[in-house]
Amino acid sequence: MAVASQGKKKRARIPGAKKIRGKELPAFTRQLAAMLSSGMPVVQTLNALEEQVANKHFKNVVAGVRVQIEGGSSFSDALTKYPDIFDDLYVNMMRAGEIGGLLAETTARIAGYLEASEKLRRKVVSAMTYPVIVLCIVFGITAGIILFVVPKFADIYGDMGAKLPAPTQFLVNVSHVTRHYSLYVAAGIVALVVAYGQYKKTEGGAYAIDKVRLKMPIVGELTQKVALARFASTFAQLMRSGVPILQSLDIVSFAVGNKVLGSILMKAKDFVERGEPLSKAIEKEKNFPRMLVHMLSAGEKTGRVEDMLDKISEFYDDEVEAMLAGMTSLIEPLLIVVLGVVVGGIVICLFMPIFKMHEIVSM
């Protein structure tokens, strides 16, 4: 059964879909699993959950799924009507659970996967929030000094008629351009942001950006480990749910969240289709560490691929957590240094002419 890529699906636009997937869907799936495990029929379960859902947009989605099932659709087919909420991974695991008669167990497995994924995402976002806030503060302070403080000093130095030191003159020039051409500067920044966003939406652009991201110091290593953790956990859940390996590779290539690793997995799919083990197909890829390849190979040889993938996922989850903890402890002093260098550098540039005048008077 072929899986359409997420980018090619006709999406039913659901307001706040990203927030629903992050906050509402894991809890909904866990409740769904609990009710199905107790023997409640799917329609009755959805009817009960519909009353409990607080988000009105998600409530409409649940109601829509229920109506589809009442009209004769299978649960998994009803979910495909809302790809913004229920992605290929969710739908295909549900379909495999329906076919195998293990819908409740599969739903519990999906719930565990979604909860673990959201936990990992929150850790990464939490670690990145503090530096982003501090950098915004640095930018705000710098902009305030350049727009309001530097012009006052420039007027004073202009009245003196003295030749300014190169760093001070550069700062005055930056202030002049920013103040008198602020609309053009703002338009240029907006144009760059829009161009970047449009470029990122293209296949080539997204691939190039992800490739650069993997090569960045520290960030690249973190990005790689997060993607490998997603690969292992997603692949393990799909295999355990009975989704065919080729179909699983289609889904995992999107789930890893990195175009470079995703393209490697799509190429590996061709090798697997010819009868090669997956470990053999990715063994020469530098973005898949040797340790991962060896563990995957051992799982393939012993027939315990899912268990080995779970161990790989746990290993990289621990690696990500350790990296985030280390980054968090280093970021605070580093950002203080950056703040001091930027603001202190501007202040020194502003007062350099005064220091020079003091030297002249002392002579």
Protein backbone atom coordinates (compact mmCIF):
# COMPACT_ATOMS: atom_id res chain seq x y z
CA MET A 1 0.00 0.00 0.00
CA ALA A 2 1.65 3.23 -1.10
CA VAL A 3 1.80 6.17 1.20
CA ALA A 4 1.28 9.63 -0.20
CA SER A 5 3.76 12.13 1.03
CA GLN A 6 2.44 14.69 3.45
CA GLY A 7 3.37 17.53 1.17
CA LYS A 8 1.19 16.17 -1.67
CA LYS A 9 -1.97 15.62 0.32
CA LYS A 10 -4.92 17.94 -0.04
CA ARG A 11 -5.16 19.27 3.47
CA ALA A 12 -8.33 20.13 5.32
CA ARG A 13 -7.27 23.39 6.90
CA ILE A 14 -7.76 23.20 10.66
CA PRO A 15 -7.10 26.43 12.60
CA GLY A 16 -4.43 25.87 15.26
CA ALA A 17 -3.52 22.42 13.89
CA LYS A 18 0.06 22.61 15.18
CA LYS A 19 -1.10 23.41 18.71
CA ILE A 20 -3.68 20.62 18.55
CA ARG A 21 -1.03 18.09 17.49
CA GLY A 22 1.28 19.14 20.29
CA LYS A 23 -1.14 19.55 23.20
CA GLU A 24 -4.52 17.97 22.41
CA LEU A 25 -3.67 14.91 20.33
CA PRO A 26 -1.44 12.99 22.82
CA ALA A 27 -4.04 13.27 25.61
CA PHE A 28 -6.87 12.42 23.20
CA THR A 29 -5.03 9.34 21.94
CA ARG A 30 -4.25 8.17 25.48
CA GLN A 31 -7.94 8.49 26.45
CA LEU A 32 -8.96 6.78 23.23
CA ALA A 33 -6.64 3.85 24.02
CA ALA A 34 -8.01 3.52 27.56
CA MET A 35 -11.63 3.46 26.38
CA LEU A 36 -10.97 1.02 23.55
CA SER A 37 -9.09 -1.25 25.97
CA SER A 38 -12.18 -1.33 28.17
CA GLY A 39 -14.21 -2.70 25.25
CA MET A 40 -16.12 0.43 24.21
CA PRO A 41 -17.00 0.62 20.49
CA VAL A 42 -15.14 3.24 18.44
CA VAL A 43 -18.21 5.38 17.70
CA GLN A 44 -19.27 5.45 21.34
CA THR A 45 -15.72 6.25 22.39
CA LEU A 46 -15.46 9.15 19.96
CA ASN A 47 -18.83 10.46 21.08
CA ALA A 48 -17.64 10.50 24.70
CA LEU A 49 -14.31 12.11 23.81
CA GLU A 50 -16.02 14.74 21.67
CA GLU A 51 -17.78 16.05 24.78
CA GLN A 52 -14.48 16.24 26.69
CA VAL A 53 -12.42 18.04 24.05
CA ALA A 54 -12.03 21.71 24.98
CA ASN A 55 -10.61 23.01 21.69
CA LYS A 56 -13.58 23.75 19.43
CA HIS A 57 -11.63 23.12 16.22
CA PHE A 58 -10.43 19.73 17.45
CA LYS A 59 -13.96 19.00 18.69
CA ASN A 60 -15.16 19.51 15.11
CA VAL A 61 -12.47 17.14 13.86
CA VAL A 62 -13.49 14.41 16.32
CA ALA A 63 -17.12 14.91 15.35
CA GLY A 64 -16.19 14.69 11.68
CA VAL A 65 -14.31 11.42 12.22
CA ARG A 66 -17.29 9.99 14.12
CA VAL A 67 -19.70 10.96 11.34
CA GLN A 68 -17.42 9.35 8.74
CA ILE A 69 -17.38 6.08 10.69
CA GLU A 70 -21.16 6.18 11.15
CA GLY A 71 -21.39 6.57 7.38
CA GLY A 72 -19.48 3.33 6.81
CA SER A 73 -15.81 4.39 6.72
CA SER A 74 -13.15 2.58 8.68
CA PHE A 75 -11.50 4.48 11.54
CA SER A 76 -8.19 4.88 9.67
CA ASP A 77 -9.92 6.06 6.48
CA ALA A 78 -11.90 8.63 8.47
CA LEU A 79 -8.65 9.97 9.93
CA THR A 80 -7.21 10.60 6.45
CA LYS A 81 -9.75 13.41 5.97
CA TYR A 82 -7.76 15.51 8.46
CA PRO A 83 -4.05 15.16 7.51
CA ASP A 84 -3.15 18.37 9.38
CA ILE A 85 -4.00 16.53 12.61
CA PHE A 86 -3.51 12.84 11.82
CA ASP A 87 -0.33 12.35 9.80
CA ASP A 88 0.79 9.28 7.82
CA LEU A 89 2.36 7.71 10.91
CA TYR A 90 -0.85 7.99 12.93
CA VAL A 91 -3.13 6.80 10.12
CA ASN A 92 -1.00 3.84 9.04
CA MET A 93 -0.45 2.58 12.57
CA MET A 94 -4.20 2.76 13.14
CA ARG A 95 -4.82 0.94 9.87
CA ALA A 96 -2.36 -1.79 10.84
CA GLY A 97 -4.05 -2.08 14.24
CA GLU A 98 -7.46 -2.44 12.59
CA ILE A 99 -6.25 -5.11 10.19
CA GLY A 100 -4.51 -7.05 12.96
CA GLY A 101 -7.40 -6.72 15.41
CA LEU A 102 -5.16 -4.87 17.86
CA LEU A 103 -6.61 -1.38 17.65
CA ALA A 104 -6.53 -0.71 21.41
CA GLU A 105 -2.92 -1.88 21.79
CA THR A 106 -1.84 0.08 18.72
CA THR A 107 -3.59 3.23 19.96
CA ALA A 108 -1.78 2.94 23.30
CA ARG A 109 1.48 2.57 21.38
CA ILE A 110 0.73 5.72 19.35
CA ALA A 111 -0.13 7.60 22.55
CA GLY A 112 3.21 6.63 24.09
CA TYR A 113 5.05 7.71 20.95
CA LEU A 114 3.26 11.08 20.79
CA GLU A 115 3.91 11.75 24.49
CA ALA A 116 7.60 10.91 24.13
CA SER A 117 7.93 13.06 20.99
CA GLU A 118 6.22 16.01 22.65
CA LYS A 119 8.42 15.62 25.73
CA LEU A 120 11.54 15.72 23.56
CA ARG A 121 10.24 18.74 21.65
CA ARG A 122 9.52 20.61 24.89
CA LYS A 123 13.04 19.94 26.14
CA VAL A 124 14.57 21.38 22.98
CA VAL A 125 12.24 24.40 22.96
CA SER A 126 12.87 25.04 26.66
CA ALA A 127 16.63 24.98 26.14
CA MET A 128 16.36 27.41 23.21
CA THR A 129 13.89 29.84 24.80
CA TYR A 130 16.32 31.48 27.22
CA PRO A 131 19.02 32.33 24.65
CA VAL A 132 16.43 33.65 22.20
CA ILE A 133 14.99 35.97 24.86
CA VAL A 134 18.45 37.23 25.86
CA LEU A 135 19.43 37.80 22.22
CA CYS A 136 16.22 39.77 21.70
CA ILE A 137 17.12 41.89 24.72
CA VAL A 138 20.63 42.44 23.32
CA PHE A 139 19.13 43.44 19.97
CA GLY A 140 16.68 45.82 21.66
CA ILE A 141 19.37 47.50 23.77
CA THR A 142 21.68 47.81 20.76
CA ALA A 143 18.91 49.29 18.59
CA GLY A 144 17.97 51.75 21.34
CA ILE A 145 21.56 52.95 21.73
CA ILE A 146 22.08 53.28 17.97
CA LEU A 147 18.80 55.12 17.40
CA PHE A 148 18.70 57.44 20.41
CA VAL A 149 22.08 57.65 22.16
CA VAL A 150 24.59 57.67 19.30
CA PRO A 151 22.94 60.68 17.53
CA LYS A 152 23.39 62.80 20.72
CA PHE A 153 27.09 61.99 20.83
CA ALA A 154 27.39 62.55 17.07
CA ASP A 155 25.95 66.08 17.47
CA ILE A 156 28.40 66.85 20.29
CA TYR A 157 31.39 65.59 18.32
CA GLY A 158 30.15 67.41 15.21
CA ASP A 159 30.12 70.74 17.08
CA MET A 160 33.72 70.12 18.16
CA GLY A 161 34.80 69.59 14.56
CA ALA A 162 37.27 66.87 15.57
CA LYS A 163 38.06 63.88 13.39
CA LEU A 164 36.47 60.81 14.94
CA PRO A 165 38.29 57.49 15.44
CA ALA A 166 37.36 54.83 12.86
CA PRO A 167 35.23 52.70 15.25
CA THR A 168 33.27 55.75 16.43
CA GLN A 169 32.78 56.99 12.85
CA PHE A 170 31.54 53.57 11.82
CA LEU A 171 29.02 53.58 14.69
CA VAL A 172 27.84 57.09 13.73
CA ASN A 173 27.43 55.98 10.10
CA VAL A 174 25.41 52.95 11.17
CA SER A 175 23.19 55.18 13.30
CA HIS A 176 22.74 57.63 10.43
CA VAL A 177 21.75 54.91 7.96
CA THR A 178 19.42 53.24 10.47
CA ARG A 179 17.63 56.48 11.36
CA HIS A 180 17.31 57.99 7.89
CA TYR A 181 16.74 54.82 5.95
CA SER A 182 14.87 52.83 8.58
CA LEU A 183 11.97 52.04 6.24
CA TYR A 184 14.35 50.65 3.65
CA VAL A 185 16.22 48.68 6.32
CA ALA A 186 12.95 47.28 7.69
CA ALA A 187 11.72 46.47 4.18
CA GLY A 188 15.02 44.74 3.44
CA ILE A 189 14.78 42.65 6.63
CA VAL A 190 11.16 41.71 5.86
CA ALA A 191 12.11 40.83 2.28
CA LEU A 192 14.93 38.59 3.51
CA VAL A 193 12.64 36.85 6.00
CA VAL A 194 9.95 36.30 3.36
CA ALA A 195 12.52 35.11 0.81
CA TYR A 196 13.96 32.69 3.37
CA GLY A 197 10.49 31.38 4.19
CA GLN A 198 9.66 30.84 0.52
CA TYR A 199 13.03 29.23 -0.14
CA LYS A 200 12.54 26.91 2.83
CA LYS A 201 9.21 25.75 1.39
CA THR A 202 10.89 24.45 -1.76
CA GLU A 203 12.34 20.92 -1.80
CA GLY A 204 15.80 22.16 -2.76
CA GLY A 205 15.72 25.00 -0.25
CA ALA A 206 14.58 22.83 2.66
CA TYR A 207 17.26 20.27 1.81
CA ALA A 208 20.00 22.93 1.61
CA ILE A 209 18.95 24.53 4.91
CA ASP A 210 18.84 21.17 6.70
CA LYS A 211 22.25 20.29 5.24
CA VAL A 212 23.74 23.53 6.59
CA ARG A 213 22.05 22.95 9.94
CA LEU A 214 23.69 19.53 10.26
CA LYS A 215 27.13 21.09 9.66
CA MET A 216 26.75 23.84 12.26
CA PRO A 217 28.83 23.51 15.45
CA ILE A 218 26.88 22.08 18.42
CA VAL A 219 23.51 22.77 16.75
CA GLY A 220 24.35 20.28 14.00
CA GLU A 221 25.14 17.52 16.47
CA LEU A 222 21.98 18.23 18.43
CA THR A 223 19.88 18.26 15.24
CA GLN A 224 21.36 14.94 14.15
CA LYS A 225 20.72 13.25 17.49
CA VAL A 226 17.13 14.49 17.67
CA ALA A 227 16.52 13.20 14.12
CA LEU A 228 18.10 9.81 14.91
CA ALA A 229 15.99 9.49 18.07
CA ARG A 230 12.86 10.18 16.00
CA PHE A 231 13.99 7.70 13.33
CA ALA A 232 14.50 4.88 15.82
CA SER A 233 11.36 5.46 17.90
CA THR A 234 9.09 5.99 14.87
CA PHE A 235 10.46 3.02 12.96
CA ALA A 236 10.16 0.79 16.03
CA GLN A 237 6.50 1.71 16.55
CA LEU A 238 5.64 1.15 12.89
CA MET A 239 7.38 -2.22 12.74
CA ARG A 240 5.82 -3.34 16.01
CA SER A 241 2.38 -2.34 14.73
CA GLY A 242 2.78 -4.51 11.65
CA VAL A 243 3.24 -1.75 9.04
CA PRO A 244 5.28 -3.17 6.09
CA ILE A 245 8.93 -2.08 6.10
CA LEU A 246 8.81 -0.21 2.77
CA GLN A 247 5.74 1.71 3.88
CA SER A 248 7.42 2.37 7.23
CA LEU A 249 10.48 3.85 5.51
CA ASP A 250 8.21 6.17 3.52
CA ILE A 251 6.67 7.45 6.74
CA VAL A 252 9.91 7.62 8.72
CA SER A 253 11.62 9.65 6.00
CA PHE A 254 9.16 12.47 6.78
CA ALA A 255 9.01 11.88 10.53
CA VAL A 256 12.75 12.41 11.17
CA GLY A 257 12.26 16.13 10.56
CA ASN A 258 15.41 16.56 8.44
CA LYS A 259 15.42 16.45 4.64
CA VAL A 260 18.99 15.16 4.42
CA LEU A 261 18.36 12.12 6.63
CA GLY A 262 14.96 11.68 5.02
CA SER A 263 16.49 11.47 1.54
CA ILE A 264 19.00 8.89 2.80
CA LEU A 265 16.14 6.73 4.09
CA MET A 266 14.28 7.06 0.79
CA LYS A 267 17.40 5.86 -1.06
CA ALA A 268 17.76 3.03 1.46
CA LYS A 269 14.20 2.00 0.63
CA ASP A 270 15.34 1.04 -2.88
CA PHE A 271 18.06 -1.22 -1.42
CA VAL A 272 15.60 -2.81 1.00
CA GLU A 273 13.15 -3.39 -1.86
CA ARG A 274 15.88 -5.41 -3.59
CA GLY A 275 16.31 -7.58 -0.51
CA GLU A 276 19.19 -5.78 1.24
CA PRO A 277 18.99 -5.24 5.02
CA LEU A 278 18.46 -1.63 6.09
CA SER A 279 21.74 -1.59 8.06
CA LYS A 280 23.62 -2.46 4.87
CA ALA A 281 21.84 0.29 2.95
CA ILE A 282 22.87 3.04 5.41
CA GLU A 283 26.26 1.76 6.59
CA LYS A 284 28.24 4.19 4.40
CA GLU A 285 26.17 7.24 5.30
CA LYS A 286 28.11 9.55 7.63
CA ASN A 287 24.91 10.96 9.14
CA PHE A 288 24.07 7.51 10.53
CA PRO A 289 26.78 6.70 13.11
CA ARG A 290 28.54 3.34 13.07
CA MET A 291 27.14 2.48 16.48
CA LEU A 292 23.58 2.83 15.20
CA VAL A 293 24.34 0.75 12.11
CA HIS A 294 25.94 -2.04 14.17
CA MET A 295 23.04 -2.15 16.63
CA LEU A 296 20.50 -2.21 13.80
CA SER A 297 22.47 -4.98 12.06
CA ALA A 298 22.52 -7.01 15.28
CA GLY A 299 18.75 -6.61 15.59
CA GLU A 300 18.23 -7.74 12.00
CA LYS A 301 20.37 -10.84 12.51
CA THR A 302 18.61 -11.85 15.73
CA GLY A 303 15.10 -10.95 14.54
CA ARG A 304 14.71 -8.32 17.28
CA VAL A 305 14.78 -5.15 15.20
CA GLU A 306 12.05 -3.40 17.21
CA ASP A 307 13.80 -4.02 20.53
CA MET A 308 17.10 -2.80 19.15
CA LEU A 309 15.46 0.32 17.71
CA ASP A 310 13.98 1.02 21.15
CA LYS A 311 17.49 0.84 22.64
CA ILE A 312 18.83 3.17 19.93
CA SER A 313 15.99 5.61 20.61
CA GLU A 314 16.66 5.55 24.36
CA PHE A 315 20.38 6.10 23.76
CA TYR A 316 19.86 9.16 21.57
CA ASP A 317 17.14 10.53 23.85
CA ASP A 318 19.68 10.38 26.69
CA GLU A 319 22.32 11.97 24.44
CA VAL A 320 19.96 14.82 23.55
CA GLU A 321 19.06 15.35 27.20
CA ALA A 322 22.75 15.41 28.20
CA MET A 323 23.57 17.88 25.40
CA LEU A 324 20.70 20.17 26.36
CA ALA A 325 21.76 20.10 30.02
CA GLY A 326 25.33 20.97 29.03
CA MET A 327 24.21 23.72 26.68
CA THR A 328 21.91 25.22 29.31
CA SER A 329 24.76 25.44 31.83
CA LEU A 330 27.08 27.07 29.28
CA ILE A 331 24.61 29.38 27.57
CA GLU A 332 24.02 31.73 30.53
CA PRO A 333 27.65 32.81 31.03
CA LEU A 334 28.19 32.88 27.26
CA LEU A 335 25.23 35.19 26.72
CA ILE A 336 26.41 37.46 29.54
CA VAL A 337 29.74 37.73 27.73
CA VAL A 338 27.97 38.50 24.43
CA LEU A 339 25.83 41.15 26.11
CA GLY A 340 28.90 42.68 27.72
CA VAL A 341 30.93 42.66 24.50
CA VAL A 342 28.17 44.18 22.36
CA VAL A 343 27.01 46.88 24.77
CA GLY A 344 30.48 47.50 26.17
CA GLY A 345 31.93 47.71 22.67
CA ILE A 346 29.37 50.33 21.66
CA VAL A 347 30.03 52.37 24.81
CA ILE A 348 33.79 52.25 24.25
CA CYS A 349 33.33 53.35 20.63
CA LEU A 350 31.20 56.28 21.81
CA PHE A 351 33.74 57.47 24.38
CA MET A 352 36.91 56.93 22.33
CA PRO A 353 36.97 60.56 21.11
CA ILE A 354 36.67 61.77 24.73
CA PHE A 355 39.61 59.56 25.77
CA LYS A 356 41.60 60.96 22.84
CA MET A 357 40.79 64.56 23.78
CA HIS A 358 41.94 63.84 27.33
CA GLU A 359 45.29 62.64 25.98
CA ILE A 360 45.67 65.76 23.86
CA VAL A 361 44.93 68.08 26.78
CA SER A 362 47.39 66.21 29.01
CA MET A 363 50.25 66.68 26.55
